[in-house]
Structure formats: structure tokens, C-alpha cells
Amino acid sequence: MDYVSALVPPVVMAIFFIGVVRVIVKTQGGAAKAKEDAAVDAALSEAPRQAPAGTDA
């Protein structure tokens, strides 16, 4: 029975991961995609521009 207790956590994590990926894929696009994209673009345009790390700007 040690093999069962050794296999349960990876199997549960794999099932959870597959579920998360399915939710992410299903929520992409849809009716609100243009509105969400516009909100992200607006937020990115308002964010202050920062120089990449390691440069003296």
C-alpha cells in the first residue's frame, strides 16, 4: 500500500493542474475579449515607463 500513498499526491496535483489549464483556455476570448484587451492596453499605457534593469538611464 505504500505505492498508493506515494502516487496519490502527484495524481491529485496533475488533475488540479489539468483543471486549471482547462479553465484558462475556456476563459480566453468570448464576448468580453475586446473590452478586456482595451482595459489592459489602457492600464499599460498609463504605467510609467521604466528603464530595463542594469542600464544607466
N, C-alpha and C. Protein backbone atom coordinates (compact mmCIF):
# COMPACT_ATOMS: atom_id res chain seq x y z
N MET A 1 0.80 -1.20 0.00
CA MET A 1 0.00 0.00 0.00
C MET A 1 0.84 1.27 0.00
N ASP A 2 2.14 1.12 0.17
CA ASP A 2 3.00 2.31 0.13
C ASP A 2 2.97 2.96 -1.24
N TYR A 3 2.83 2.15 -2.29
CA TYR A 3 2.82 2.72 -3.63
C TYR A 3 1.59 3.59 -3.85
N VAL A 4 0.48 3.24 -3.23
CA VAL A 4 -0.74 4.05 -3.37
C VAL A 4 -0.55 5.41 -2.71
N SER A 5 0.00 5.41 -1.51
CA SER A 5 0.22 6.68 -0.82
C SER A 5 1.29 7.51 -1.51
N ALA A 6 2.19 6.87 -2.25
CA ALA A 6 3.21 7.61 -2.99
C ALA A 6 2.65 8.20 -4.28
N LEU A 7 1.64 7.57 -4.86
CA LEU A 7 1.10 8.03 -6.14
C LEU A 7 -0.05 9.03 -5.99
N VAL A 8 -0.72 9.05 -4.86
CA VAL A 8 -1.89 9.92 -4.71
C VAL A 8 -1.56 11.41 -4.86
N PRO A 9 -0.55 11.95 -4.16
CA PRO A 9 -0.30 13.40 -4.32
C PRO A 9 0.02 13.83 -5.75
N PRO A 10 0.88 13.12 -6.51
CA PRO A 10 1.11 13.57 -7.89
C PRO A 10 -0.13 13.46 -8.77
N VAL A 11 -0.94 12.45 -8.54
CA VAL A 11 -2.15 12.29 -9.35
C VAL A 11 -3.13 13.43 -9.04
N VAL A 12 -3.30 13.75 -7.78
CA VAL A 12 -4.20 14.85 -7.40
C VAL A 12 -3.69 16.16 -7.97
N MET A 13 -2.40 16.40 -7.89
CA MET A 13 -1.84 17.64 -8.44
C MET A 13 -2.00 17.69 -9.95
N ALA A 14 -1.83 16.58 -10.62
CA ALA A 14 -1.99 16.54 -12.08
C ALA A 14 -3.43 16.85 -12.47
N ILE A 15 -4.38 16.28 -11.75
CA ILE A 15 -5.79 16.55 -12.03
C ILE A 15 -6.11 18.03 -11.80
N PHE A 16 -5.60 18.59 -10.71
CA PHE A 16 -5.82 20.00 -10.43
C PHE A 16 -5.20 20.87 -11.52
N PHE A 17 -3.98 20.55 -11.95
CA PHE A 17 -3.31 21.33 -12.98
C PHE A 17 -4.08 21.28 -14.29
N ILE A 18 -4.56 20.10 -14.67
CA ILE A 18 -5.34 19.97 -15.90
C ILE A 18 -6.61 20.82 -15.79
N GLY A 19 -7.24 20.83 -14.63
CA GLY A 19 -8.43 21.66 -14.43
C GLY A 19 -8.13 23.13 -14.57
N VAL A 20 -7.02 23.58 -14.00
CA VAL A 20 -6.64 24.99 -14.10
C VAL A 20 -6.38 25.37 -15.56
N VAL A 21 -5.67 24.52 -16.28
CA VAL A 21 -5.39 24.81 -17.69
C VAL A 21 -6.69 24.87 -18.49
N ARG A 22 -7.61 23.96 -18.22
CA ARG A 22 -8.89 23.98 -18.94
C ARG A 22 -9.65 25.26 -18.66
N VAL A 23 -9.67 25.72 -17.42
CA VAL A 23 -10.37 26.96 -17.09
C VAL A 23 -9.71 28.14 -17.81
N ILE A 24 -8.39 28.18 -17.82
CA ILE A 24 -7.69 29.27 -18.50
C ILE A 24 -8.02 29.27 -19.98
N VAL A 25 -7.99 28.11 -20.60
CA VAL A 25 -8.27 28.04 -22.04
C VAL A 25 -9.71 28.42 -22.34
N LYS A 26 -10.64 27.97 -21.52
CA LYS A 26 -12.05 28.27 -21.76
C LYS A 26 -12.38 29.75 -21.56
N THR A 27 -11.64 30.43 -20.70
CA THR A 27 -11.95 31.83 -20.44
C THR A 27 -11.24 32.77 -21.40
N GLN A 28 -10.47 32.27 -22.31
CA GLN A 28 -9.83 33.12 -23.31
C GLN A 28 -10.86 33.47 -24.38
N GLY A 29 -10.84 34.71 -24.80
CA GLY A 29 -11.77 35.12 -25.84
C GLY A 29 -13.16 35.36 -25.28
N GLY A 30 -14.14 35.12 -26.09
CA GLY A 30 -15.52 35.32 -25.65
C GLY A 30 -16.00 36.72 -25.96
N ALA A 31 -17.18 37.03 -25.46
CA ALA A 31 -17.84 38.29 -25.77
C ALA A 31 -17.11 39.49 -25.19
N ALA A 32 -16.44 39.32 -24.06
CA ALA A 32 -15.81 40.45 -23.39
C ALA A 32 -14.32 40.61 -23.75
N LYS A 33 -13.84 39.86 -24.73
CA LYS A 33 -12.41 39.89 -25.05
C LYS A 33 -11.94 41.28 -25.46
N ALA A 34 -12.66 41.95 -26.32
CA ALA A 34 -12.25 43.28 -26.78
C ALA A 34 -12.24 44.26 -25.62
N LYS A 35 -13.23 44.17 -24.74
CA LYS A 35 -13.31 45.06 -23.60
C LYS A 35 -12.15 44.81 -22.63
N GLU A 36 -11.82 43.53 -22.39
CA GLU A 36 -10.71 43.19 -21.52
C GLU A 36 -9.38 43.66 -22.12
N ASP A 37 -9.21 43.44 -23.43
CA ASP A 37 -7.99 43.88 -24.09
C ASP A 37 -7.83 45.39 -24.02
N ALA A 38 -8.92 46.11 -24.18
CA ALA A 38 -8.86 47.57 -24.10
C ALA A 38 -8.49 48.02 -22.69
N ALA A 39 -9.01 47.34 -21.69
CA ALA A 39 -8.68 47.69 -20.30
C ALA A 39 -7.20 47.44 -20.02
N VAL A 40 -6.67 46.34 -20.52
CA VAL A 40 -5.24 46.04 -20.32
C VAL A 40 -4.38 47.05 -21.06
N ASP A 41 -4.75 47.37 -22.29
CA ASP A 41 -3.99 48.36 -23.05
C ASP A 41 -4.00 49.72 -22.35
N ALA A 42 -5.14 50.12 -21.79
CA ALA A 42 -5.22 51.39 -21.09
C ALA A 42 -4.35 51.37 -19.84
N ALA A 43 -4.38 50.26 -19.12
CA ALA A 43 -3.55 50.17 -17.91
C ALA A 43 -2.07 50.20 -18.25
N LEU A 44 -1.69 49.54 -19.33
CA LEU A 44 -0.28 49.53 -19.73
C LEU A 44 0.17 50.90 -20.23
N SER A 45 -0.72 51.63 -20.90
CA SER A 45 -0.33 52.94 -21.41
C SER A 45 -0.18 53.96 -20.28
N GLU A 46 -0.89 53.76 -19.17
CA GLU A 46 -0.80 54.67 -18.04
C GLU A 46 0.37 54.34 -17.13
N ALA A 47 0.90 53.14 -17.22
CA ALA A 47 2.01 52.73 -16.34
C ALA A 47 3.26 53.52 -16.71
N PRO A 48 4.02 53.97 -15.72
CA PRO A 48 5.25 54.71 -16.02
C PRO A 48 6.27 53.80 -16.71
N ARG A 49 6.95 54.37 -17.66
CA ARG A 49 7.97 53.61 -18.38
C ARG A 49 9.21 53.52 -17.51
N GLN A 50 9.76 52.33 -17.39
CA GLN A 50 10.96 52.13 -16.60
C GLN A 50 12.07 51.59 -17.49
N ALA A 51 13.29 52.04 -17.21
CA ALA A 51 14.43 51.52 -17.96
C ALA A 51 14.69 50.09 -17.53
N PRO A 52 15.15 49.24 -18.44
CA PRO A 52 15.47 47.86 -18.06
C PRO A 52 16.53 47.84 -16.97
N ALA A 53 16.47 46.84 -16.15
CA ALA A 53 17.42 46.71 -15.05
C ALA A 53 18.84 46.57 -15.59
N GLY A 54 19.77 47.21 -14.94
CA GLY A 54 21.17 47.10 -15.35
C GLY A 54 21.63 48.20 -16.30
N THR A 55 20.72 49.13 -16.63
CA THR A 55 21.12 50.22 -17.53
C THR A 55 21.12 51.52 -16.75
N ASP A 56 21.95 52.44 -17.15
CA ASP A 56 22.01 53.76 -16.51
C ASP A 56 21.24 54.74 -17.38
N ALA A 57 19.95 54.84 -17.12
CA ALA A 57 19.12 55.71 -17.95
C ALA A 57 18.71 56.94 -17.16
